[in-house]
C-alpha atoms as a PDB file:
ATOM      1  CA  UNK A   1      14.420 -36.761  23.724  1.00  0.00           C
ATOM      2  CA  UNK A   2      15.296 -33.000  25.117  1.00  0.00           C
ATOM      3  CA  UNK A   3      17.414 -32.375  22.082  1.00  0.00           C
ATOM      4  CA  UNK A   4      14.464 -33.368  19.472  1.00  0.00           C
ATOM      5  CA  UNK A   5      11.683 -31.711  21.119  1.00  0.00           C
ATOM      6  CA  UNK A   6      11.581 -28.516  19.344  1.00  0.00           C
ATOM      7  CA  UNK A   7      11.605 -30.257  16.386  1.00  0.00           C
ATOM      8  CA  UNK A   8       8.805 -32.589  17.427  1.00  0.00           C
ATOM      9  CA  UNK A   9       6.690 -29.663  18.549  1.00  0.00           C
ATOM     10  CA  UNK A  10       7.148 -28.042  14.869  1.00  0.00           C
ATOM     11  CA  UNK A  11       6.485 -31.531  13.092  1.00  0.00           C
ATOM     12  CA  UNK A  12       3.073 -31.676  15.031  1.00  0.00           C
ATOM     13  CA  UNK A  13       2.023 -27.945  14.513  1.00  0.00           C
ATOM     14  CA  UNK A  14       2.308 -28.484  10.652  1.00  0.00           C
ATOM     15  CA  UNK A  15       0.265 -31.433  10.960  1.00  0.00           C
ATOM     16  CA  UNK A  16      -2.945 -30.889   8.959  1.00  0.00           C
ATOM     17  CA  UNK A  17      -6.843 -30.311  10.905  1.00  0.00           C
ATOM     18  CA  UNK A  18      -9.241 -33.109  10.750  1.00  0.00           C
ATOM     19  CA  UNK A  19     -12.552 -33.582  12.668  1.00  0.00           C
ATOM     20  CA  UNK A  20     -14.238 -36.544  11.960  1.00  0.00           C
ATOM     21  CA  UNK A  21     -18.130 -37.033  11.215  1.00  0.00           C
ATOM     22  CA  UNK A  22     -20.416 -38.184  13.875  1.00  0.00           C
ATOM     23  CA  UNK A  23     -20.774 -41.030  12.167  1.00  0.00           C
ATOM     24  CA  UNK A  24     -17.037 -42.081  12.806  1.00  0.00           C
ATOM     25  CA  UNK A  25     -17.777 -40.636  16.733  1.00  0.00           C
ATOM     26  CA  UNK A  26     -20.906 -42.711  17.040  1.00  0.00           C
ATOM     27  CA  UNK A  27     -19.138 -46.145  15.684  1.00  0.00           C
ATOM     28  CA  UNK A  28     -16.416 -45.575  18.048  1.00  0.00           C
ATOM     29  CA  UNK A  29     -18.732 -45.350  20.866  1.00  0.00           C
ATOM     30  CA  UNK A  30     -20.741 -48.604  19.875  1.00  0.00           C
ATOM     31  CA  UNK A  31     -17.020 -50.170  19.214  1.00  0.00           C
ATOM     32  CA  UNK A  32     -15.935 -49.266  23.157  1.00  0.00           C
ATOM     33  CA  UNK A  33     -19.159 -50.398  24.517  1.00  0.00           C
ATOM     34  CA  UNK A  34     -18.905 -54.177  22.723  1.00  0.00           C
ATOM     35  CA  UNK A  35     -18.285 -57.143  25.094  1.00  0.00           C
ATOM     36  CA  UNK A  36     -14.949 -58.100  24.467  1.00  0.00           C
ATOM     37  CA  UNK A  37     -13.402 -54.737  24.155  1.00  0.00           C
ATOM     38  CA  UNK A  38     -15.215 -53.755  27.878  1.00  0.00           C
ATOM     39  CA  UNK A  39     -13.705 -56.736  29.210  1.00  0.00           C
ATOM     40  CA  UNK A  40     -10.287 -56.176  28.060  1.00  0.00           C
ATOM     41  CA  UNK A  41     -10.404 -52.639  29.560  1.00  0.00           C
ATOM     42  CA  UNK A  42     -11.644 -54.067  33.035  1.00  0.00           C
ATOM     43  CA  UNK A  43      -8.472 -56.204  33.067  1.00  0.00           C
ATOM     44  CA  UNK A  44      -6.038 -52.976  32.513  1.00  0.00           C
ATOM     45  CA  UNK A  45      -4.514 -52.295  35.730  1.00  0.00           C
ATOM     46  CA  UNK A  46      -5.122 -48.900  37.398  1.00  0.00           C
ATOM     47  CA  UNK A  47      -1.939 -46.716  38.171  1.00  0.00           C
ATOM     48  CA  UNK A  48      -2.230 -43.722  40.165  1.00  0.00           C
ATOM     49  CA  UNK A  49       1.065 -41.192  40.088  1.00  0.00           C
ATOM     50  CA  UNK A  50       2.343 -39.623  43.341  1.00  0.00           C
ATOM     51  CA  UNK A  51       0.949 -36.684  45.179  1.00  0.00           C
ATOM     52  CA  UNK A  52       4.635 -35.157  44.417  1.00  0.00           C
ATOM     53  CA  UNK A  53       4.153 -35.481  40.379  1.00  0.00           C
ATOM     54  CA  UNK A  54       0.929 -33.641  40.638  1.00  0.00           C
ATOM     55  CA  UNK A  55       2.372 -31.161  42.996  1.00  0.00           C
ATOM     56  CA  UNK A  56       5.185 -30.579  39.963  1.00  0.00           C
ATOM     57  CA  UNK A  57       2.550 -30.294  37.429  1.00  0.00           C
ATOM     58  CA  UNK A  58       0.520 -28.113  39.429  1.00  0.00           C
ATOM     59  CA  UNK A  59       3.570 -25.720  39.806  1.00  0.00           C
ATOM     60  CA  UNK A  60       4.421 -25.719  36.050  1.00  0.00           C
ATOM     61  CA  UNK A  61       0.805 -24.853  35.499  1.00  0.00           C
ATOM     62  CA  UNK A  62       0.861 -21.652  38.027  1.00  0.00           C
ATOM     63  CA  UNK A  63       4.056 -20.568  36.383  1.00  0.00           C
ATOM     64  CA  UNK A  64       3.023 -18.948  33.810  1.00  0.00           C
ATOM     65  CA  UNK A  65       5.169 -16.676  31.427  1.00  0.00           C
ATOM     66  CA  UNK A  66       4.986 -12.879  31.918  1.00  0.00           C
ATOM     67  CA  UNK A  67       3.129 -11.967  28.818  1.00  0.00           C
ATOM     68  CA  UNK A  68       3.694  -8.719  26.976  1.00  0.00           C
ATOM     69  CA  UNK A  69       0.467  -6.982  27.710  1.00  0.00           C
ATOM     70  CA  UNK A  70       1.617  -3.933  26.924  1.00  0.00           C
ATOM     71  CA  UNK A  71       2.511  -4.857  23.245  1.00  0.00           C
ATOM     72  CA  UNK A  72      -0.995  -5.702  22.428  1.00  0.00           C
ATOM     73  CA  UNK A  73      -2.290  -2.427  23.669  1.00  0.00           C
ATOM     74  CA  UNK A  74       0.280  -0.669  21.535  1.00  0.00           C
ATOM     75  CA  UNK A  75      -0.628  -2.765  18.920  1.00  0.00           C
ATOM     76  CA  UNK A  76      -3.820  -1.895  19.505  1.00  0.00           C
ATOM     77  CA  UNK A  77      -3.967   1.799  19.833  1.00  0.00           C
ATOM     78  CA  UNK A  78      -1.532   1.853  16.536  1.00  0.00           C
ATOM     79  CA  UNK A  79      -4.366  -0.103  14.811  1.00  0.00           C
ATOM     80  CA  UNK A  80      -6.850   2.266  15.997  1.00  0.00           C
ATOM     81  CA  UNK A  81      -4.580   5.163  15.111  1.00  0.00           C
ATOM     82  CA  UNK A  82      -4.479   4.114  11.590  1.00  0.00           C
ATOM     83  CA  UNK A  83      -8.261   3.465  11.356  1.00  0.00           C
ATOM     84  CA  UNK A  84      -9.125   6.851  12.319  1.00  0.00           C
ATOM     85  CA  UNK A  85      -6.151   8.498  10.214  1.00  0.00           C
ATOM     86  CA  UNK A  86      -7.164   6.490   6.721  1.00  0.00           C
ATOM     87  CA  UNK A  87     -11.252   7.444   7.703  1.00  0.00           C
ATOM     88  CA  UNK A  88     -10.496  11.080   7.927  1.00  0.00           C
ATOM     89  CA  UNK A  89      -7.855  11.419   5.474  1.00  0.00           C
ATOM     90  CA  UNK A  90     -10.586   9.555   2.722  1.00  0.00           C
ATOM     91  CA  UNK A  91     -13.058  12.433   3.312  1.00  0.00           C
ATOM     92  CA  UNK A  92     -10.532  15.161   3.048  1.00  0.00           C
ATOM     93  CA  UNK A  93     -10.134  14.220  -0.493  1.00  0.00           C
ATOM     94  CA  UNK A  94     -12.779  14.850  -3.578  1.00  0.00           C
ATOM     95  CA  UNK A  95     -13.417  12.758  -6.125  1.00  0.00           C
ATOM     96  CA  UNK A  96     -12.793  14.452  -9.514  1.00  0.00           C
ATOM     97  CA  UNK A  97     -13.653  12.642 -12.588  1.00  0.00           C
ATOM     98  CA  UNK A  98     -12.007  14.285 -15.878  1.00  0.00           C
ATOM     99  CA  UNK A  99     -12.275  12.726 -19.842  1.00  0.00           C
ATOM    100  CA  UNK A 100     -10.570  14.260 -23.282  1.00  0.00           C
ATOM    101  CA  UNK A 101     -11.597  13.838 -26.575  1.00  0.00           C
ATOM    102  CA  UNK A 102      -8.987  13.038 -29.252  1.00  0.00           C
ATOM    103  CA  UNK A 103      -9.241  13.542 -32.731  1.00  0.00           C
ATOM    104  CA  UNK A 104      -8.200  10.715 -35.400  1.00  0.00           C
ATOM    105  CA  UNK A 105      -5.148  11.608 -37.603  1.00  0.00           C
ATOM    106  CA  UNK A 106      -6.444  10.366 -40.922  1.00  0.00           C
ATOM    107  CA  UNK A 107      -2.829   9.563 -41.751  1.00  0.00           C
ATOM    108  CA  UNK A 108      -2.162   7.302 -39.146  1.00  0.00           C
ATOM    109  CA  UNK A 109      -5.239   5.073 -41.023  1.00  0.00           C
ATOM    110  CA  UNK A 110      -5.079   2.179 -42.724  1.00  0.00           C
ATOM    111  CA  UNK A 111      -7.124   1.598 -45.576  1.00  0.00           C
ATOM    112  CA  UNK A 112      -8.941  -1.731 -46.008  1.00  0.00           C
ATOM    113  CA  UNK A 113      -8.436  -2.089 -49.609  1.00  0.00           C
ATOM    114  CA  UNK A 114      -4.734  -1.552 -50.366  1.00  0.00           C
ATOM    115  CA  UNK A 115      -4.352  -0.107 -54.200  1.00  0.00           C
ATOM    116  CA  UNK A 116      -0.876  -2.199 -54.160  1.00  0.00           C
ATOM    117  CA  UNK A 117      -2.643  -5.548 -53.485  1.00  0.00           C
ATOM    118  CA  UNK A 118      -5.478  -4.718 -56.050  1.00  0.00           C
ATOM    119  CA  UNK A 119      -3.017  -4.152 -58.672  1.00  0.00           C
ATOM    120  CA  UNK A 120      -0.870  -7.423 -57.591  1.00  0.00           C
ATOM    121  CA  UNK A 121      -4.196  -9.187 -58.114  1.00  0.00           C
ATOM    122  CA  UNK A 122      -4.580  -7.714 -61.536  1.00  0.00           C
ATOM    123  CA  UNK A 123      -0.992  -8.718 -62.526  1.00  0.00           C
ATOM    124  CA  UNK A 124      -1.130 -12.052 -61.512  1.00  0.00           C
ATOM    125  CA  UNK A 125      -4.564 -12.319 -63.411  1.00  0.00           C
ATOM    126  CA  UNK A 126      -2.792 -11.102 -66.541  1.00  0.00           C
ATOM    127  CA  UNK A 127       0.093 -13.728 -65.929  1.00  0.00           C
ATOM    128  CA  UNK A 128      -2.126 -16.520 -66.158  1.00  0.00           C
ATOM    129  CA  UNK A 129      -3.124 -15.708 -69.557  1.00  0.00           C
ATOM    130  CA  UNK A 130       0.253 -14.489 -71.077  1.00  0.00           C
ATOM    131  CA  UNK A 131       2.813 -17.197 -69.859  1.00  0.00           C
ATOM    132  CA  UNK A 132       5.947 -15.742 -71.238  1.00  0.00           C
ATOM    133  CA  UNK A 133       7.231 -12.890 -69.277  1.00  0.00           C
ATOM    134  CA  UNK A 134       5.780 -14.656 -66.089  1.00  0.00           C
ATOM    135  CA  UNK A 135       7.994 -17.751 -66.312  1.00  0.00           C
ATOM    136  CA  UNK A 136      11.189 -15.932 -66.670  1.00  0.00           C
ATOM    137  CA  UNK A 137      13.561 -15.985 -63.360  1.00  0.00           C
ATOM    138  CA  UNK A 138      13.146 -12.471 -63.165  1.00  0.00           C
ATOM    139  CA  UNK A 139       9.624 -12.166 -62.568  1.00  0.00           C
ATOM    140  CA  UNK A 140       9.302 -15.046 -60.238  1.00  0.00           C
ATOM    141  CA  UNK A 141      11.844 -13.393 -58.335  1.00  0.00           C
ATOM    142  CA  UNK A 142      10.167 -10.021 -58.315  1.00  0.00           C
ATOM    143  CA  UNK A 143       6.451 -12.292 -57.301  1.00  0.00           C
ATOM    144  CA  UNK A 144       8.622 -14.153 -54.451  1.00  0.00           C
ATOM    145  CA  UNK A 145       9.356 -10.651 -52.896  1.00  0.00           C
ATOM    146  CA  UNK A 146       6.233  -9.118 -53.251  1.00  0.00           C
ATOM    147  CA  UNK A 147       4.477 -12.342 -51.586  1.00  0.00           C
ATOM    148  CA  UNK A 148       7.128 -11.933 -48.518  1.00  0.00           C
ATOM    149  CA  UNK A 149       6.616  -7.926 -48.376  1.00  0.00           C
ATOM    150  CA  UNK A 150       3.009  -8.829 -48.391  1.00  0.00           C
ATOM    151  CA  UNK A 151       2.957 -11.554 -45.219  1.00  0.00           C
ATOM    152  CA  UNK A 152       5.185  -8.946 -43.246  1.00  0.00           C
ATOM    153  CA  UNK A 153       3.004  -6.091 -44.466  1.00  0.00           C
ATOM    154  CA  UNK A 154      -0.189  -8.230 -42.894  1.00  0.00           C
ATOM    155  CA  UNK A 155       1.598  -9.102 -39.542  1.00  0.00           C
ATOM    156  CA  UNK A 156       2.628  -5.605 -38.938  1.00  0.00           C
ATOM    157  CA  UNK A 157      -0.846  -4.575 -39.479  1.00  0.00           C
ATOM    158  CA  UNK A 158      -2.151  -7.480 -36.744  1.00  0.00           C
ATOM    159  CA  UNK A 159       0.605  -5.786 -34.520  1.00  0.00           C
ATOM    160  CA  UNK A 160      -0.276  -2.222 -35.116  1.00  0.00           C
ATOM    161  CA  UNK A 161      -3.939  -3.500 -34.109  1.00  0.00           C
ATOM    162  CA  UNK A 162      -7.493  -1.561 -34.559  1.00  0.00           C
ATOM    163  CA  UNK A 163      -6.536   1.343 -33.054  1.00  0.00           C
ATOM    164  CA  UNK A 164      -3.213   2.179 -34.504  1.00  0.00           C
ATOM    165  CA  UNK A 165      -1.385   3.893 -31.624  1.00  0.00           C
ATOM    166  CA  UNK A 166       2.083   3.139 -32.128  1.00  0.00           C
ATOM    167  CA  UNK A 167       3.546   5.795 -35.011  1.00  0.00           C
ATOM    168  CA  UNK A 168       6.546   4.108 -35.197  1.00  0.00           C
ATOM    169  CA  UNK A 169       4.795   0.436 -36.490  1.00  0.00           C
ATOM    170  CA  UNK A 170       2.821   3.015 -38.773  1.00  0.00           C
ATOM    171  CA  UNK A 171       6.005   4.031 -40.529  1.00  0.00           C
ATOM    172  CA  UNK A 172       7.208   0.969 -40.950  1.00  0.00           C
ATOM    173  CA  UNK A 173       3.753  -0.465 -42.518  1.00  0.00           C
ATOM    174  CA  UNK A 174       4.250   2.653 -44.817  1.00  0.00           C
ATOM    175  CA  UNK A 175       7.739   1.921 -45.781  1.00  0.00           C
ATOM    176  CA  UNK A 176       6.678  -2.001 -46.597  1.00  0.00           C
ATOM    177  CA  UNK A 177       3.824  -0.585 -48.668  1.00  0.00           C
ATOM    178  CA  UNK A 178       6.372   2.032 -50.954  1.00  0.00           C
ATOM    179  CA  UNK A 179       8.703  -1.295 -51.272  1.00  0.00           C
ATOM    180  CA  UNK A 180       5.734  -2.984 -52.613  1.00  0.00           C
ATOM    181  CA  UNK A 181       4.727  -0.505 -54.971  1.00  0.00           C
ATOM    182  CA  UNK A 182       7.889  -0.526 -56.132  1.00  0.00           C
ATOM    183  CA  UNK A 183       8.593  -4.168 -56.636  1.00  0.00           C
ATOM    184  CA  UNK A 184       4.687  -4.185 -58.468  1.00  0.00           C
ATOM    185  CA  UNK A 185       6.249  -1.594 -60.743  1.00  0.00           C
ATOM    186  CA  UNK A 186       9.077  -3.553 -61.568  1.00  0.00           C
ATOM    187  CA  UNK A 187       6.652  -6.190 -62.337  1.00  0.00           C
ATOM    188  CA  UNK A 188       4.687  -4.237 -64.674  1.00  0.00           C
ATOM    189  CA  UNK A 189       7.490  -2.675 -66.722  1.00  0.00           C
ATOM    190  CA  UNK A 190       8.355  -6.823 -67.308  1.00  0.00           C
ATOM    191  CA  UNK A 191       4.905  -7.502 -68.870  1.00  0.00           C
END
């Protein structure tokens, strides 16, 4: 049993605490006072341990391990010192508030209505009436390429967000728009 004593202590210390309601204690009290149980308790034998055992228990209780009280005092002094240091350190600093104004670079702003998209819609409407050129393989290939670039442009615009803070994303967006304009010119030349 000595071998597993530490394991038992650890296991017991990990058990969760639980305090039952007052109703539970009242019910237990009533059950203990019932006649069959009280009769059974009266028939149990009484046992009184030797005086030697009580002496051993008293001797173990009297021998206390010396507590390192000076560690407690040292920890308290350090805590008080740190508290006072933080108090005085915090009073010595003044709080400062600063602000700045930034001008918006108009070159980094995206126009809501893009010229290339408006022109593409006009070409598409024209193709609905003139189907001869628009049904060619080359024209359809350019149209697919334009729509892929347009999807990439929309995704990039979502990545840029409302504030346009990434110059590299704006540059990539401008390149996409140029490519869309080139494809749109090719499509217009075919018509």
